[in-house]
């Protein structure tokens, strides 16, 4: 089976991006390197919510999640309490899973600590960027040594819903690896963006 599909513009893309919801995300976001703390925290949170579900399920609810979680400003989310948990459990626009909701609030508090220690959440996370020379071929693995190491360290720091598979998906989407398949028209664009990207904390 081909690893690409042809989009309406005639350009080849990663096969997973065939849906009308996922193609714009694939084209504009997936794999573009991100150094903004709020966007990084959002993606960590949404990847946690995705656990056991499809990314498309989360993607179509993303604006609802942003509204529910104060735009994923972790300083604000860190102040959420039991009343906020109760509110979120009644919010039909998001995934109403108590453990995942409480994990986001917990992780916001841990993110605030980590940002204070490392200078920014981004500076900490980008320490785990894999060496491209050691990466597996695109979309052939669901974890990496770096995602395993990052998961272990975050769990030691008290984070929740940050397993190695979740974190590898995070790395793929936030540009820490270029996992667009060979033949995808966007692979070269991501290589260019990564080459121009200034790594946080360096």
Protein backbone atom coordinates (compact mmCIF):
# COMPACT_ATOMS: atom_id res chain seq x y z
CA UNK A 1 0.00 0.00 0.00
CA UNK A 2 1.26 3.47 -0.84
CA UNK A 3 2.30 5.63 2.09
CA UNK A 4 0.87 8.74 0.42
CA UNK A 5 -2.46 9.97 -0.90
CA UNK A 6 -3.00 12.63 -3.55
CA UNK A 7 -4.78 15.72 -2.24
CA UNK A 8 -7.30 17.83 -4.18
CA UNK A 9 -4.41 20.06 -5.29
CA UNK A 10 -2.59 17.09 -6.81
CA UNK A 11 0.11 17.11 -4.13
CA UNK A 12 1.09 13.85 -2.39
CA UNK A 13 0.58 13.75 1.36
CA UNK A 14 0.95 11.31 4.25
CA UNK A 15 -1.84 8.73 3.97
CA UNK A 16 -3.25 9.48 7.44
CA UNK A 17 -4.24 13.01 6.33
CA UNK A 18 -7.03 11.97 3.98
CA UNK A 19 -9.96 13.39 5.98
CA UNK A 20 -11.24 16.94 5.54
CA UNK A 21 -10.46 17.62 9.22
CA UNK A 22 -6.93 16.25 9.19
CA UNK A 23 -5.59 17.52 5.85
CA UNK A 24 -5.39 21.21 6.91
CA UNK A 25 -3.74 20.14 10.17
CA UNK A 26 -1.23 17.99 8.26
CA UNK A 27 -0.44 20.81 5.83
CA UNK A 28 -0.16 23.73 8.24
CA UNK A 29 0.88 22.28 11.58
CA UNK A 30 2.03 18.67 11.82
CA UNK A 31 5.81 18.57 12.10
CA UNK A 32 6.36 22.33 12.14
CA UNK A 33 8.80 23.09 14.97
CA UNK A 34 7.19 24.88 17.92
CA UNK A 35 8.96 26.86 20.62
CA UNK A 36 5.94 28.48 22.28
CA UNK A 37 5.23 27.22 25.80
CA UNK A 38 1.47 27.52 25.54
CA UNK A 39 1.27 25.56 22.29
CA UNK A 40 3.59 22.90 23.64
CA UNK A 41 1.52 22.52 26.79
CA UNK A 42 -1.66 22.39 24.72
CA UNK A 43 -0.30 19.56 22.60
CA UNK A 44 0.94 17.62 25.61
CA UNK A 45 -2.54 17.97 27.11
CA UNK A 46 -4.39 17.01 23.93
CA UNK A 47 -2.14 14.02 23.34
CA UNK A 48 -3.05 12.88 26.86
CA UNK A 49 -6.74 13.25 26.06
CA UNK A 50 -6.18 11.27 22.85
CA UNK A 51 -5.03 8.20 24.80
CA UNK A 52 -7.34 5.38 23.70
CA UNK A 53 -9.04 7.61 21.08
CA UNK A 54 -8.24 8.85 17.57
CA UNK A 55 -6.48 12.17 16.94
CA UNK A 56 -9.35 13.20 14.69
CA UNK A 57 -11.74 12.92 17.66
CA UNK A 58 -9.58 15.38 19.59
CA UNK A 59 -8.84 17.66 16.65
CA UNK A 60 -12.50 18.40 15.92
CA UNK A 61 -12.96 19.36 19.59
CA UNK A 62 -9.76 21.41 19.86
CA UNK A 63 -11.43 24.82 20.01
CA UNK A 64 -13.73 23.54 22.75
CA UNK A 65 -10.72 22.30 24.70
CA UNK A 66 -9.03 25.68 24.32
CA UNK A 67 -12.10 27.47 25.67
CA UNK A 68 -12.46 25.01 28.54
CA UNK A 69 -8.80 25.15 29.60
CA UNK A 70 -8.10 28.92 29.44
CA UNK A 71 -6.29 28.65 26.12
CA UNK A 72 -3.91 26.16 27.75
CA UNK A 73 -2.14 28.93 29.64
CA UNK A 74 -0.58 26.66 32.23
CA UNK A 75 -0.28 29.45 34.80
CA UNK A 76 -4.07 29.83 34.67
CA UNK A 77 -4.85 26.12 34.50
CA UNK A 78 -2.58 25.53 37.50
CA UNK A 79 -5.06 27.54 39.57
CA UNK A 80 -8.05 25.34 38.63
CA UNK A 81 -9.76 23.60 41.55
CA UNK A 82 -12.55 21.14 42.24
CA UNK A 83 -15.21 23.53 40.93
CA UNK A 84 -13.38 23.63 37.60
CA UNK A 85 -13.17 19.84 37.49
CA UNK A 86 -16.93 19.64 38.09
CA UNK A 87 -17.51 22.25 35.36
CA UNK A 88 -15.34 20.39 32.87
CA UNK A 89 -17.06 17.08 33.60
CA UNK A 90 -20.30 18.72 32.44
CA UNK A 91 -18.77 20.17 29.26
CA UNK A 92 -20.09 18.12 26.34
CA UNK A 93 -17.67 19.86 23.97
CA UNK A 94 -14.64 18.04 25.36
CA UNK A 95 -13.75 14.50 26.42
CA UNK A 96 -15.29 14.17 29.88
CA UNK A 97 -12.78 11.89 31.56
CA UNK A 98 -12.01 12.80 35.17
CA UNK A 99 -8.53 11.28 35.16
CA UNK A 100 -7.49 13.16 32.04
CA UNK A 101 -9.00 16.44 33.21
CA UNK A 102 -7.25 16.18 36.56
CA UNK A 103 -4.02 15.24 34.77
CA UNK A 104 -4.08 18.49 32.75
CA UNK A 105 -4.49 20.54 35.93
CA UNK A 106 -1.74 18.59 37.68
CA UNK A 107 0.53 18.89 34.66
CA UNK A 108 -0.07 22.65 34.48
CA UNK A 109 1.32 22.93 38.02
CA UNK A 110 4.29 20.76 37.08
CA UNK A 111 4.81 22.80 33.88
CA UNK A 112 4.95 25.99 35.92
CA UNK A 113 7.66 24.45 38.11
CA UNK A 114 9.57 23.18 35.11
CA UNK A 115 9.44 26.52 33.30
CA UNK A 116 10.80 28.24 36.39
CA UNK A 117 13.64 25.73 36.60
CA UNK A 118 14.59 25.51 32.91
CA UNK A 119 13.74 29.07 31.83
CA UNK A 120 10.82 27.84 29.72
CA UNK A 121 8.90 24.65 29.12
CA UNK A 122 10.21 24.74 25.56
CA UNK A 123 13.85 24.88 26.66
CA UNK A 124 13.33 21.73 28.72
CA UNK A 125 11.39 19.78 26.09
CA UNK A 126 13.74 20.54 23.21
CA UNK A 127 16.61 18.97 25.14
CA UNK A 128 15.04 15.68 24.08
CA UNK A 129 15.10 16.37 20.33
CA UNK A 130 16.37 13.21 18.60
CA UNK A 131 19.38 13.26 16.33
CA UNK A 132 17.91 12.92 12.80
CA UNK A 133 20.70 10.49 11.94
CA UNK A 134 19.43 8.01 14.52
CA UNK A 135 15.68 8.32 13.78
CA UNK A 136 13.73 5.35 12.43
CA UNK A 137 12.21 5.66 8.95
CA UNK A 138 9.11 7.90 9.01
CA UNK A 139 5.96 6.48 10.59
CA UNK A 140 7.48 3.08 11.35
CA UNK A 141 7.74 3.33 15.16
CA UNK A 142 5.50 4.58 17.97
CA UNK A 143 8.25 5.35 20.50
CA UNK A 144 11.90 6.36 20.45
CA UNK A 145 14.72 6.28 23.00
CA UNK A 146 14.16 10.02 23.46
CA UNK A 147 10.41 9.70 24.07
CA UNK A 148 11.11 6.93 26.59
CA UNK A 149 13.67 9.12 28.38
CA UNK A 150 11.37 12.15 28.36
CA UNK A 151 8.48 10.07 29.69
CA UNK A 152 10.62 8.71 32.50
CA UNK A 153 11.80 12.17 33.55
CA UNK A 154 8.35 13.78 33.40
CA UNK A 155 6.82 10.95 35.42
CA UNK A 156 9.58 11.36 38.00
CA UNK A 157 8.57 15.03 38.19
CA UNK A 158 4.94 14.09 38.84
CA UNK A 159 3.37 14.47 35.37
CA UNK A 160 0.45 12.23 34.35
CA UNK A 161 -0.62 10.72 30.97
CA UNK A 162 2.88 11.15 29.54
CA UNK A 163 3.77 7.67 28.34
CA UNK A 164 6.46 7.09 25.67
CA UNK A 165 3.91 6.62 22.86
CA UNK A 166 2.04 9.80 23.80
CA UNK A 167 5.31 11.72 23.87
CA UNK A 168 6.51 10.34 20.55
CA UNK A 169 3.27 11.55 18.95
CA UNK A 170 3.95 14.91 20.60
CA UNK A 171 7.47 14.99 19.16
CA UNK A 172 6.14 14.17 15.67
CA UNK A 173 3.56 16.94 15.78
CA UNK A 174 5.74 19.63 17.36
CA UNK A 175 8.60 19.22 14.89
CA UNK A 176 11.15 17.49 17.10
CA UNK A 177 11.27 14.83 14.40
CA UNK A 178 10.24 15.06 10.75
CA UNK A 179 7.96 12.06 10.36
CA UNK A 180 6.35 13.03 7.06
CA UNK A 181 6.88 10.05 4.81
CA UNK A 182 9.26 10.04 1.86
CA UNK A 183 7.21 11.25 -1.09
CA UNK A 184 5.02 13.59 0.97
CA UNK A 185 5.22 17.10 -0.50
CA UNK A 186 5.50 18.51 3.01
CA UNK A 187 8.56 16.56 4.13
CA UNK A 188 11.02 18.97 2.49
CA UNK A 189 9.11 21.97 3.88
CA UNK A 190 9.48 20.60 7.39
CA UNK A 191 13.20 19.98 6.85
CA UNK A 192 13.56 23.63 5.84
CA UNK A 193 11.54 24.84 8.83
CA UNK A 194 13.58 22.72 11.22
CA UNK A 195 16.84 23.98 9.72
CA UNK A 196 15.72 27.60 10.27
CA UNK A 197 14.28 27.00 13.74
CA UNK A 198 16.17 28.40 16.71
CA UNK A 199 16.09 25.80 19.45
CA UNK A 200 14.81 27.26 22.75
CA UNK A 201 17.41 27.58 25.45
CA UNK A 202 20.37 27.37 23.08
